[in-house]
Amino acid sequence: MSKSAYVALVTCFDENENINYEATRAQVRRQIAAGNNIMCAGTNGDFSSLTFEEKIRLTEAVVDEVAGKVKVIVNAGMPGTFETLKLAREFDRIGVDSIAVITPFFISCTQEGLIRHFSTVADAVKTPVYLYDIPARTQNHIEPETARALAAHGNIAGIKDSGGAQETLAAYMAVGREMPGFDVYSGPDHLVLWSIENGAAGCISGLGNVLPDVLAGIIDGYNKGDLEAAHRHQETYTNFRTDLYGLGFPPALVKRSLYLIDNSVGASRQPALLPNAEQDQKILAILKKYGRA
């Protein structure tokens, strides 16, 4: 089976922090040109600062721009099952390819509570649902046994693992081997190639906003059997990640890096960390090192 890459697309804003839909559409076209699929309203898309109505309009714009050329997955996850359900039903209506559901945040959940939450959402829509685990941000972690229980649901198609631990990713992939139809997508940028070599269906990456061609090169090299090219692209991807993420919070750094390449993407909504001249110079030095500025 061919592997695939999704980019957790940034949401573009104007100087007044309103969504810049045309600039966002331009980023969609850029990813399509590279051959990458799109994740909308994810962590790198500032989903936690978007309103309910904005998420719907943003998803409509992305789906319209994609026009079937690549696949679109959109995150519906919110702290409460009630709002998550409402969003998921709207995305079902719009016609996305799949719906991601991040674990509830702020509310501490038991594993039984997570099973109930995800199952309720998956019961309510026809679109395939993907679990989305990022415990560093939500403080709720989907245990591998919980993933195995949810994999038996007829409309839960897999999981996006953004925990960063190779051991957990391997445990999810073991679930995928046991439960046909349960696909694993890796989130950590340094594990893209390792994950697809070991059974993952692909990746969902934030760093692809800055290096779309390198991400596509990893996947394309693997799919064509050119592992030398795949490893070469992965090395570039990993080194860029190490250099950039050493400066601070990854999503903010991805957005700022892209801004320094193309300022139409705008800044992140407050209270995100404000950029400063010293940090910009460090980011620019990294971009120049990799031929991006």
Protein backbone atom coordinates (compact mmCIF):
# COMPACT_ATOMS: atom_id res chain seq x y z
CA MET A 1 0.00 0.00 0.00
CA SER A 2 1.31 3.44 -0.93
CA LYS A 3 2.08 5.73 2.00
CA SER A 4 0.78 9.27 2.22
CA ALA A 5 1.69 12.59 3.82
CA TYR A 6 -0.68 15.19 5.20
CA VAL A 7 0.46 18.68 6.14
CA ALA A 8 -1.17 20.17 9.23
CA LEU A 9 -1.89 23.40 7.38
CA VAL A 10 -1.41 26.80 9.00
CA THR A 11 -4.42 29.10 9.16
CA CYS A 12 -3.54 32.51 7.72
CA PHE A 13 -4.59 35.72 9.48
CA ASP A 14 -4.57 39.39 8.53
CA GLU A 15 -3.17 42.21 10.66
CA ASN A 16 -6.44 42.31 12.67
CA GLU A 17 -6.32 38.57 13.41
CA ASN A 18 -9.21 37.79 11.05
CA ILE A 19 -8.78 34.69 8.91
CA ASN A 20 -7.26 35.47 5.54
CA TYR A 21 -9.08 32.89 3.44
CA GLU A 22 -7.36 33.76 0.16
CA ALA A 23 -3.91 33.41 1.72
CA THR A 24 -4.97 30.10 3.24
CA ARG A 25 -6.18 28.92 -0.17
CA ALA A 26 -2.76 29.85 -1.58
CA GLN A 27 -1.11 27.61 1.03
CA VAL A 28 -3.47 24.80 0.03
CA ARG A 29 -2.39 25.19 -3.61
CA ARG A 30 1.25 25.14 -2.54
CA GLN A 31 0.77 21.81 -0.77
CA ILE A 32 -1.19 20.33 -3.66
CA ALA A 33 1.67 21.28 -5.99
CA ALA A 34 4.08 19.39 -3.74
CA GLY A 35 1.79 16.35 -3.67
CA ASN A 36 0.77 16.55 -0.02
CA ASN A 37 -2.68 16.02 1.48
CA ILE A 38 -4.18 18.57 3.89
CA MET A 39 -5.08 18.52 7.55
CA CYS A 40 -7.30 21.50 8.39
CA ALA A 41 -7.83 23.11 11.82
CA GLY A 42 -5.16 21.07 13.53
CA THR A 43 -2.61 22.16 16.12
CA ASN A 44 -0.55 24.02 13.52
CA GLY A 45 -3.77 25.58 12.23
CA ASP A 46 -4.46 27.45 15.49
CA PHE A 47 -7.64 25.40 15.95
CA SER A 48 -7.91 26.26 19.64
CA SER A 49 -8.25 29.97 18.82
CA LEU A 50 -10.82 29.55 16.02
CA THR A 51 -14.52 30.01 16.60
CA PHE A 52 -17.08 27.33 15.74
CA GLU A 53 -18.27 29.28 12.69
CA GLU A 54 -14.70 29.96 11.50
CA LYS A 55 -13.85 26.26 11.56
CA ILE A 56 -16.81 25.52 9.33
CA ARG A 57 -16.06 28.32 6.87
CA LEU A 58 -12.34 27.46 6.85
CA THR A 59 -13.07 23.82 6.10
CA GLU A 60 -15.47 24.78 3.32
CA ALA A 61 -12.78 26.99 1.76
CA VAL A 62 -10.12 24.27 1.97
CA VAL A 63 -12.39 21.58 0.52
CA ASP A 64 -13.44 23.94 -2.26
CA GLU A 65 -9.81 24.77 -3.11
CA VAL A 66 -8.71 21.14 -3.01
CA ALA A 67 -11.55 20.14 -5.37
CA GLY A 68 -10.72 16.46 -4.98
CA LYS A 69 -7.07 16.81 -6.01
CA VAL A 70 -5.81 15.60 -2.61
CA LYS A 71 -7.45 14.37 0.58
CA VAL A 72 -8.64 16.56 3.45
CA ILE A 73 -8.84 15.61 7.11
CA VAL A 74 -10.20 18.14 9.60
CA ASN A 75 -9.98 18.22 13.38
CA ALA A 76 -13.31 18.40 15.21
CA GLY A 77 -11.99 17.76 18.71
CA MET A 78 -13.09 20.04 21.54
CA PRO A 79 -13.15 19.63 25.34
CA GLY A 80 -16.81 18.56 25.37
CA THR A 81 -18.43 15.74 23.42
CA PHE A 82 -21.41 18.02 22.70
CA GLU A 83 -19.47 20.60 20.66
CA THR A 84 -17.25 17.94 19.09
CA LEU A 85 -20.40 16.24 17.80
CA LYS A 86 -21.77 19.48 16.38
CA LEU A 87 -18.51 20.18 14.51
CA ALA A 88 -18.18 16.61 13.28
CA ARG A 89 -21.70 16.71 11.83
CA GLU A 90 -20.89 19.95 10.00
CA PHE A 91 -17.70 18.45 8.55
CA ASP A 92 -19.68 15.35 7.57
CA ARG A 93 -22.08 17.63 5.67
CA ILE A 94 -19.23 19.51 3.95
CA GLY A 95 -17.77 16.27 2.65
CA VAL A 96 -14.23 15.97 4.01
CA ASP A 97 -12.40 12.68 3.51
CA SER A 98 -11.98 12.04 7.22
CA ILE A 99 -12.47 13.67 10.62
CA ALA A 100 -9.78 13.78 13.29
CA VAL A 101 -10.82 14.07 16.92
CA ILE A 102 -8.18 15.33 19.31
CA THR A 103 -8.48 14.06 22.88
CA PRO A 104 -10.47 16.42 25.12
CA PHE A 105 -8.34 19.10 26.75
CA PHE A 106 -8.74 20.83 30.15
CA ILE A 107 -11.14 18.04 31.21
CA SER A 108 -9.33 15.05 32.73
CA CYS A 109 -10.67 11.83 31.19
CA THR A 110 -10.53 8.16 32.13
CA GLN A 111 -9.83 5.64 29.39
CA GLU A 112 -13.47 4.56 29.63
CA GLY A 113 -14.48 8.20 29.17
CA LEU A 114 -12.30 8.44 26.06
CA ILE A 115 -13.89 5.31 24.59
CA ARG A 116 -17.34 6.78 25.20
CA HIS A 117 -16.32 10.17 23.74
CA PHE A 118 -14.80 8.84 20.53
CA SER A 119 -17.48 6.18 20.01
CA THR A 120 -20.26 8.76 20.37
CA VAL A 121 -18.69 10.95 17.68
CA ALA A 122 -17.99 8.02 15.35
CA ASP A 123 -21.59 6.83 15.75
CA ALA A 124 -22.93 10.20 14.65
CA VAL A 125 -21.19 10.63 11.28
CA LYS A 126 -20.64 8.68 8.07
CA THR A 127 -17.17 10.13 7.49
CA PRO A 128 -14.33 7.95 8.85
CA VAL A 129 -13.00 9.16 12.22
CA TYR A 130 -9.37 9.23 13.33
CA LEU A 131 -8.28 9.43 16.94
CA TYR A 132 -5.76 12.20 17.60
CA ASP A 133 -3.35 11.74 20.51
CA ILE A 134 -1.19 14.66 21.65
CA PRO A 135 -0.94 14.32 25.44
CA ALA A 136 1.59 17.12 25.90
CA ARG A 137 -1.11 19.60 24.85
CA THR A 138 -4.30 17.92 26.14
CA GLN A 139 -3.05 16.01 29.22
CA ASN A 140 -5.18 13.08 28.07
CA HIS A 141 -3.45 10.07 26.49
CA ILE A 142 -5.05 7.26 24.48
CA GLU A 143 -3.50 4.07 25.82
CA PRO A 144 -2.74 1.40 23.21
CA GLU A 145 -5.35 -0.91 24.76
CA THR A 146 -7.92 1.86 24.44
CA ALA A 147 -6.93 2.32 20.79
CA ARG A 148 -7.41 -1.41 20.32
CA ALA A 149 -10.92 -1.25 21.79
CA LEU A 150 -11.82 1.73 19.60
CA ALA A 151 -10.34 0.05 16.51
CA ALA A 152 -13.23 -2.42 16.68
CA HIS A 153 -15.68 0.41 15.98
CA GLY A 154 -16.79 0.26 12.37
CA ASN A 155 -16.25 3.99 11.74
CA ILE A 156 -12.95 4.57 13.54
CA ALA A 157 -10.32 4.28 10.83
CA GLY A 158 -7.11 4.93 12.73
CA ILE A 159 -5.07 7.27 14.88
CA LYS A 160 -2.74 10.23 14.54
CA ASP A 161 0.04 9.88 17.10
CA SER A 162 1.69 13.17 18.08
CA GLY A 163 3.04 11.99 21.40
CA GLY A 164 6.64 11.97 20.19
CA ALA A 165 7.54 8.62 21.78
CA GLN A 166 8.71 5.91 19.38
CA GLU A 167 7.57 3.24 21.85
CA THR A 168 3.96 4.47 21.83
CA LEU A 169 3.95 4.81 18.06
CA ALA A 170 5.18 1.21 17.79
CA ALA A 171 2.40 0.08 20.15
CA TYR A 172 -0.23 1.81 18.01
CA MET A 173 1.21 0.16 14.89
CA ALA A 174 0.95 -3.21 16.65
CA VAL A 175 -2.76 -2.46 17.09
CA GLY A 176 -2.95 -1.68 13.38
CA ARG A 177 -1.44 -5.05 12.52
CA GLU A 178 -3.96 -6.82 14.75
CA MET A 179 -6.98 -4.79 13.63
CA PRO A 180 -7.31 -4.55 9.82
CA GLY A 181 -8.59 -1.16 8.71
CA PHE A 182 -7.01 0.73 11.62
CA ASP A 183 -4.33 3.00 10.15
CA VAL A 184 -1.61 4.81 12.07
CA TYR A 185 -0.33 8.24 11.04
CA SER A 186 2.78 9.54 12.77
CA GLY A 187 3.05 13.14 13.92
CA PRO A 188 6.72 13.51 14.99
CA ASP A 189 8.68 14.97 12.07
CA HIS A 190 11.84 12.99 12.84
CA LEU A 191 9.97 9.67 12.69
CA VAL A 192 8.30 9.98 9.28
CA LEU A 193 10.45 7.44 7.48
CA TRP A 194 10.89 5.14 10.46
CA SER A 195 7.14 4.98 10.94
CA ILE A 196 6.26 4.16 7.33
CA GLU A 197 9.05 1.60 7.17
CA ASN A 198 7.53 -0.08 10.21
CA GLY A 199 3.89 -0.16 9.18
CA ALA A 200 2.40 3.32 9.50
CA ALA A 201 0.05 4.42 6.71
CA GLY A 202 1.77 7.79 6.55
CA CYS A 203 2.31 10.96 8.51
CA ILE A 204 0.61 14.23 9.43
CA SER A 205 3.32 16.85 9.75
CA GLY A 206 3.43 20.50 10.76
CA LEU A 207 6.95 21.08 9.48
CA GLY A 208 5.69 20.37 5.96
CA ASN A 209 4.32 23.93 5.93
CA VAL A 210 7.92 25.12 5.59
CA LEU A 211 9.45 22.17 3.70
CA PRO A 212 6.60 20.69 1.62
CA ASP A 213 8.93 19.31 -1.03
CA VAL A 214 11.19 17.58 1.48
CA LEU A 215 8.24 15.89 3.18
CA ALA A 216 6.89 14.80 -0.20
CA GLY A 217 10.38 13.54 -1.07
CA ILE A 218 10.42 11.18 1.91
CA ILE A 219 7.08 9.66 0.94
CA ASP A 220 7.76 9.60 -2.80
CA GLY A 221 11.18 8.01 -2.32
CA TYR A 222 9.71 5.28 -0.14
CA ASN A 223 6.79 4.60 -2.47
CA LYS A 224 9.12 4.31 -5.46
CA GLY A 225 11.55 2.06 -3.62
CA ASP A 226 14.29 4.69 -3.68
CA LEU A 227 15.22 4.39 -0.02
CA GLU A 228 18.44 6.34 -0.53
CA ALA A 229 16.41 9.38 -1.58
CA ALA A 230 13.89 8.82 1.20
CA HIS A 231 16.65 8.69 3.83
CA ARG A 232 18.35 11.75 2.36
CA HIS A 233 15.13 13.77 2.58
CA GLN A 234 14.45 12.47 6.09
CA GLU A 235 17.92 13.55 7.21
CA THR A 236 17.24 17.07 5.92
CA TYR A 237 13.82 17.08 7.59
CA THR A 238 15.22 15.88 10.91
CA ASN A 239 18.12 18.33 10.91
CA PHE A 240 15.84 21.26 10.09
CA ARG A 241 13.50 20.17 12.88
CA THR A 242 16.35 19.98 15.39
CA ASP A 243 17.62 23.43 14.46
CA LEU A 244 14.22 25.12 14.39
CA TYR A 245 12.51 23.50 17.37
CA GLY A 246 15.53 24.24 19.52
CA LEU A 247 14.30 27.84 19.55
CA GLY A 248 10.94 27.16 21.27
CA PHE A 249 7.30 26.10 20.78
CA PRO A 250 7.11 24.17 17.47
CA PRO A 251 3.77 25.39 16.01
CA ALA A 252 4.69 29.04 16.64
CA LEU A 253 8.11 28.52 15.06
CA VAL A 254 6.63 26.81 12.01
CA LYS A 255 4.22 29.71 11.52
CA ARG A 256 6.95 32.33 11.99
CA SER A 257 9.32 30.52 9.62
CA LEU A 258 6.63 30.47 6.96
CA TYR A 259 5.88 34.15 7.65
CA LEU A 260 9.54 35.04 7.00
CA ILE A 261 9.24 33.23 3.66
CA ASP A 262 5.78 34.60 2.82
CA ASN A 263 4.30 37.25 5.12
CA SER A 264 0.80 36.74 3.71
CA VAL A 265 0.31 33.93 6.25
CA GLY A 266 0.29 36.49 9.07
CA ALA A 267 1.02 35.94 12.74
CA SER A 268 -0.74 33.58 15.12
CA ARG A 269 -3.65 34.82 17.18
CA GLN A 270 -2.88 36.07 20.67
CA PRO A 271 -1.92 35.04 23.27
CA ALA A 272 0.66 33.23 21.15
CA LEU A 273 4.20 34.36 21.83
CA LEU A 274 5.00 37.57 20.03
CA PRO A 275 7.94 37.36 17.60
CA ASN A 276 11.04 39.41 18.26
CA ALA A 277 13.88 40.62 16.07
CA GLU A 278 16.49 38.44 17.75
CA GLN A 279 14.49 35.27 17.23
CA ASP A 280 13.65 36.25 13.65
CA GLN A 281 17.36 36.53 12.88
CA LYS A 282 17.95 33.06 14.28
CA ILE A 283 15.08 31.64 12.22
CA LEU A 284 16.34 33.41 9.10
CA ALA A 285 19.79 31.92 9.64
CA ILE A 286 18.23 28.44 9.76
CA LEU A 287 16.13 29.12 6.65
CA LYS A 288 19.24 30.32 4.78
CA LYS A 289 21.16 27.24 5.91
CA TYR A 290 18.55 25.07 4.18
CA GLY A 291 18.16 27.32 1.13
CA ARG A 292 14.74 28.69 2.10
CA ALA A 293 15.54 32.39 2.43
